[in-house]
Structure formats: structure tokens, C-alpha cells
Protein backbone atom coordinates (compact mmCIF):
# COMPACT_ATOMS: atom_id res chain seq x y z
CA MET A 1 -29.82 9.49 18.59
CA PHE A 2 -26.52 11.05 19.52
CA PRO A 3 -25.29 14.56 18.74
CA ASP A 4 -23.34 15.30 15.59
CA PRO A 5 -19.66 14.83 16.40
CA PRO A 6 -17.06 17.56 16.05
CA PRO A 7 -14.53 17.06 13.24
CA ARG A 8 -12.57 13.82 13.29
CA TYR A 9 -14.53 12.09 15.99
CA LEU A 10 -13.41 8.55 15.54
CA LEU A 11 -14.84 5.38 17.01
CA ALA A 12 -12.60 2.30 16.83
CA LEU A 13 -14.55 -0.99 16.80
CA ALA A 14 -12.53 -4.20 17.15
CA GLY A 15 -13.08 -7.86 17.87
CA GLY A 16 -12.21 -11.23 16.42
CA ALA A 17 -13.14 -12.41 12.94
CA GLY A 18 -16.84 -13.26 12.98
CA SER A 19 -17.60 -11.24 16.12
CA GLY A 20 -20.13 -9.02 14.34
CA LYS A 21 -18.06 -5.85 13.89
CA THR A 22 -19.18 -5.07 10.36
CA THR A 23 -22.83 -5.79 11.13
CA LEU A 24 -22.70 -3.53 14.19
CA ALA A 25 -20.86 -0.75 12.35
CA GLU A 26 -23.41 -0.84 9.52
CA SER A 27 -26.27 -0.82 12.02
CA LEU A 28 -24.76 2.24 13.73
CA ALA A 29 -24.34 3.99 10.37
CA ALA A 30 -27.97 3.23 9.49
CA ALA A 31 -29.08 4.79 12.80
CA HIS A 32 -27.04 7.95 12.29
CA SER A 33 -27.02 9.85 9.02
CA ARG A 34 -23.68 11.56 9.67
CA CYS A 35 -21.58 8.45 10.05
CA ALA A 36 -18.84 7.17 7.75
CA LEU A 37 -17.37 3.67 7.86
CA LEU A 38 -13.81 2.57 7.27
CA HIS A 39 -13.36 -1.20 7.04
CA LEU A 40 -9.78 -2.21 7.87
CA ASP A 41 -10.01 -5.42 5.86
CA ARG A 42 -9.95 -3.22 2.74
CA TYR A 43 -6.49 -1.96 3.71
CA VAL A 44 -4.46 -5.14 3.64
CA HIS A 45 -1.08 -4.68 1.98
CA THR A 46 -1.38 -5.01 -1.77
CA GLN A 47 2.32 -5.79 -2.06
CA PRO A 48 3.01 -9.12 -0.34
CA GLU A 49 6.66 -8.23 0.20
CA ARG A 50 5.52 -5.51 2.62
CA ALA A 51 3.42 -7.90 4.73
CA PRO A 52 4.14 -10.89 6.97
CA LEU A 53 4.08 -14.07 4.89
CA VAL A 54 3.34 -17.65 5.92
CA PRO A 55 3.27 -20.93 4.00
CA SER A 56 0.00 -21.42 2.13
CA ILE A 57 -2.32 -23.97 3.75
CA LEU A 58 -2.83 -25.32 0.23
CA GLY A 59 0.83 -26.32 0.20
CA THR A 60 2.17 -24.05 -2.54
CA GLY A 61 4.00 -20.79 -1.98
CA GLU A 62 3.42 -18.15 0.65
CA VAL A 63 0.45 -15.95 1.47
CA ILE A 64 -0.14 -12.87 3.59
CA ASP A 65 -0.74 -13.72 7.24
CA PHE A 66 -4.08 -11.98 7.85
CA SER A 67 -3.93 -12.91 11.55
CA ASP A 68 -1.06 -10.45 12.06
CA PRO A 69 -1.64 -6.67 12.39
CA ARG A 70 1.38 -6.07 10.14
CA SER A 71 -0.81 -7.30 7.26
CA ILE A 72 -2.58 -3.92 7.36
CA ASP A 73 -1.14 -1.07 5.32
CA TRP A 74 -1.30 1.49 8.11
CA GLN A 75 -0.08 4.28 5.83
CA ARG A 76 -3.10 3.82 3.55
CA VAL A 77 -5.36 3.67 6.62
CA GLN A 78 -3.98 6.97 7.94
CA GLN A 79 -4.50 8.54 4.52
CA ALA A 80 -8.11 7.31 4.38
CA ILE A 81 -8.80 8.68 7.85
CA GLY A 82 -7.39 12.04 6.79
CA GLU A 83 -9.64 12.06 3.72
CA ALA A 84 -12.81 11.10 5.59
CA PRO A 85 -15.52 13.74 5.93
CA ALA A 86 -14.46 16.01 8.78
CA ASP A 87 -17.99 16.62 10.02
CA GLU A 88 -19.03 12.98 10.46
CA LEU A 89 -18.50 10.31 13.04
CA LEU A 90 -15.90 7.99 11.53
CA VAL A 91 -16.21 4.35 12.58
CA VAL A 92 -13.05 2.36 11.94
CA GLU A 93 -13.97 -1.29 12.23
CA GLY A 94 -11.76 -4.30 11.93
CA THR A 95 -9.94 -7.03 13.75
CA PHE A 96 -7.03 -4.68 14.43
CA ALA A 97 -8.99 -1.46 15.04
CA LEU A 98 -7.63 -1.20 18.59
CA GLU A 99 -3.99 -1.30 17.51
CA LYS A 100 -2.13 1.82 18.64
CA GLN A 101 -2.20 3.35 15.13
CA ILE A 102 -5.97 3.75 15.41
CA ARG A 103 -6.45 3.78 19.17
CA ARG A 104 -4.40 6.96 19.56
CA LEU A 105 -6.77 8.76 17.18
CA ALA A 106 -10.00 7.40 18.63
CA ARG A 107 -12.35 9.20 20.94
CA TRP A 108 -14.23 5.95 21.59
CA THR A 109 -12.73 2.47 21.67
CA VAL A 110 -15.02 -0.55 21.59
CA TYR A 111 -14.32 -4.27 21.67
CA LEU A 112 -16.98 -6.73 20.56
CA ASP A 113 -16.36 -9.79 22.73
CA THR A 114 -17.71 -12.97 21.14
CA PRO A 115 -16.83 -16.58 22.06
CA ASP A 116 -14.43 -18.38 19.70
CA ASP A 117 -16.92 -21.08 18.71
CA LEU A 118 -19.59 -18.56 17.73
CA ARG A 119 -17.08 -16.45 15.78
CA LEU A 120 -15.83 -19.51 13.89
CA ALA A 121 -19.37 -20.65 13.08
CA ARG A 122 -20.36 -17.18 11.82
CA LYS A 123 -17.23 -16.83 9.70
CA THR A 124 -17.67 -20.30 8.21
CA LEU A 125 -21.32 -19.65 7.37
CA ARG A 126 -20.38 -16.31 5.80
CA LYS A 127 -17.74 -17.99 3.61
CA ILE A 128 -20.21 -20.68 2.54
CA GLY A 129 -22.71 -17.93 1.68
CA GLU A 130 -20.04 -16.28 -0.46
CA GLY A 131 -19.47 -19.55 -2.30
CA ALA A 132 -16.05 -20.15 -0.76
CA ASP A 133 -14.77 -23.55 0.28
CA PRO A 134 -15.25 -23.62 4.07
CA ARG A 135 -12.32 -26.02 4.47
CA ILE A 136 -9.85 -23.28 3.57
CA GLY A 137 -11.14 -20.98 6.30
CA LEU A 138 -11.24 -23.77 8.85
CA LEU A 139 -7.72 -24.91 8.00
CA GLY A 140 -6.51 -21.31 8.24
CA TYR A 141 -8.15 -20.95 11.63
CA LEU A 142 -6.46 -24.11 12.89
CA ALA A 143 -3.08 -23.22 11.38
CA ARG A 144 -2.86 -19.55 12.38
CA GLY A 145 -6.17 -17.84 13.05
CA ARG A 146 -6.82 -19.11 16.55
CA GLU A 147 -3.30 -18.38 17.77
CA GLY A 148 -3.23 -15.02 15.98
CA HIS A 149 -6.48 -13.99 17.65
CA HIS A 150 -5.20 -14.85 21.11
CA ARG A 151 -1.85 -13.17 20.46
CA HIS A 152 -2.90 -9.99 18.65
CA VAL A 153 -6.64 -9.36 19.00
CA ALA A 154 -7.86 -10.64 22.37
CA PRO A 155 -5.31 -8.56 24.35
CA THR A 156 -6.69 -5.33 22.83
CA ARG A 157 -9.91 -5.97 24.75
CA GLN A 158 -8.10 -4.49 27.76
CA THR A 159 -7.60 -1.18 25.92
CA ALA A 160 -11.28 -0.69 25.07
CA GLY A 161 -13.35 1.93 26.80
CA LEU A 162 -16.43 -0.22 26.20
CA VAL A 163 -16.68 -4.01 25.86
CA LEU A 164 -19.88 -5.30 24.28
CA ASP A 165 -21.26 -8.84 24.45
CA GLY A 166 -21.19 -10.13 20.86
CA THR A 167 -23.83 -12.77 21.63
CA LEU A 168 -26.54 -10.09 22.01
CA PRO A 169 -28.84 -9.02 19.15
CA THR A 170 -27.46 -6.30 16.87
CA LYS A 171 -30.26 -3.86 17.77
CA HIS A 172 -29.38 -4.15 21.46
CA LEU A 173 -25.67 -3.63 20.74
CA THR A 174 -26.42 -0.63 18.51
CA ASP A 175 -28.50 0.95 21.26
CA GLN A 176 -25.67 0.40 23.77
CA LEU A 177 -23.16 1.94 21.40
CA ILE A 178 -25.35 4.96 20.66
CA THR A 179 -25.82 5.54 24.39
CA HIS A 180 -22.07 5.25 24.99
CA VAL A 181 -21.27 7.80 22.28
CA ALA A 182 -24.09 10.14 23.34
CA ASN A 183 -22.79 10.17 26.91
CA GLY A 184 -19.69 11.97 25.72
CA ALA A 185 -15.97 11.70 26.00
CA GLU A 186 -14.17 8.48 26.62
CA GLY A 187 -10.64 9.21 25.47
CA THR A 188 -9.39 12.48 24.10
């Protein structure tokens, strides 16, 4: 276990779609009772005119480009961070969690590095489990997701204080993350 963090201790956890970020963040929260989670995918712009738009892969209209960090409503994210319990470790997890808006606030920055094929398989299986048509996700990956990952997400690996191997079991990754946090300061 790691010590209770001072107010506003923030851990930013990033990686590509399907890398295991949410699973790892939830595992960390289960291991530490004073941990709050903020999932960036819940902060996508609700007004499409404020987000980057691309042609729909279904051929009609435009949709928000979720492979672009401008799809996140950073103002709402900042507000949520400010409203988070001040005496808990706050884990901000998401594809774009190592963007400067979060990274500058984070004491710990972590990138979950997982090969593209494994990420795609995990994401596709998750969508099937949710009852979604896997073709839509696969077409989106081919049209924009792969390029978006290599343009916006993969480069943030270089900004992480800790890079974890996303092919390892969640328990092993959780233990590594707990040790990293327990060993003290990384950033601020």
C-alpha cells in the first residue's frame, strides 16, 4: 500500500484505446481506499460544433473525431479535477491523459504501452461484448484511429515518468504502479 497523498495528488494514466487503462485504474482504486477516478472519455464535447469533425464512416454527415485530443472538453475536465476530493489520489485515465492540460497538474505520469494488434483485439472484443457492431470500430480504426494514435497518443509516451508493459497481467501492473507512487515524487 502507498501513503495517503496530500491534496490534489494527481496521477495521469494514458495509452492507446484498448491498452488497459481503465482496467488498471480500477484495479489501483480497488487496492487503495482513498483513490478517485476521472475517466476522460466521459468528457468528450457535448456540442459537436466545439469539437473536430470528420465524415461519418457510415457515409452520412459528420461525427466527432475521437482520435483527436481536441474532442475532449478540457474546461469540463479542469472543473471536475477542481471538484474532486482534495484528500484522495486522483487518477485521470484516458487516451489523452498525458496532454499538457493534465500533465502539468500531475505528480505522476504513466503510459501503458500495448502493441497495436493487442489493443485493436481488446477494443473489438469489448465492443462485441457491449452489443455493438464490430465493423464500425474496425472501420473507424482504419479510417482515423490508427493514424490518430500514432500522431497524438504514441508521442506522449516520451513524456511519461513511468512506462508500463500493457501485455502484463493487471495485478503485476497494479503492483508496479503502487510501488512507483509509494516511492514518492516524480514531477512536482
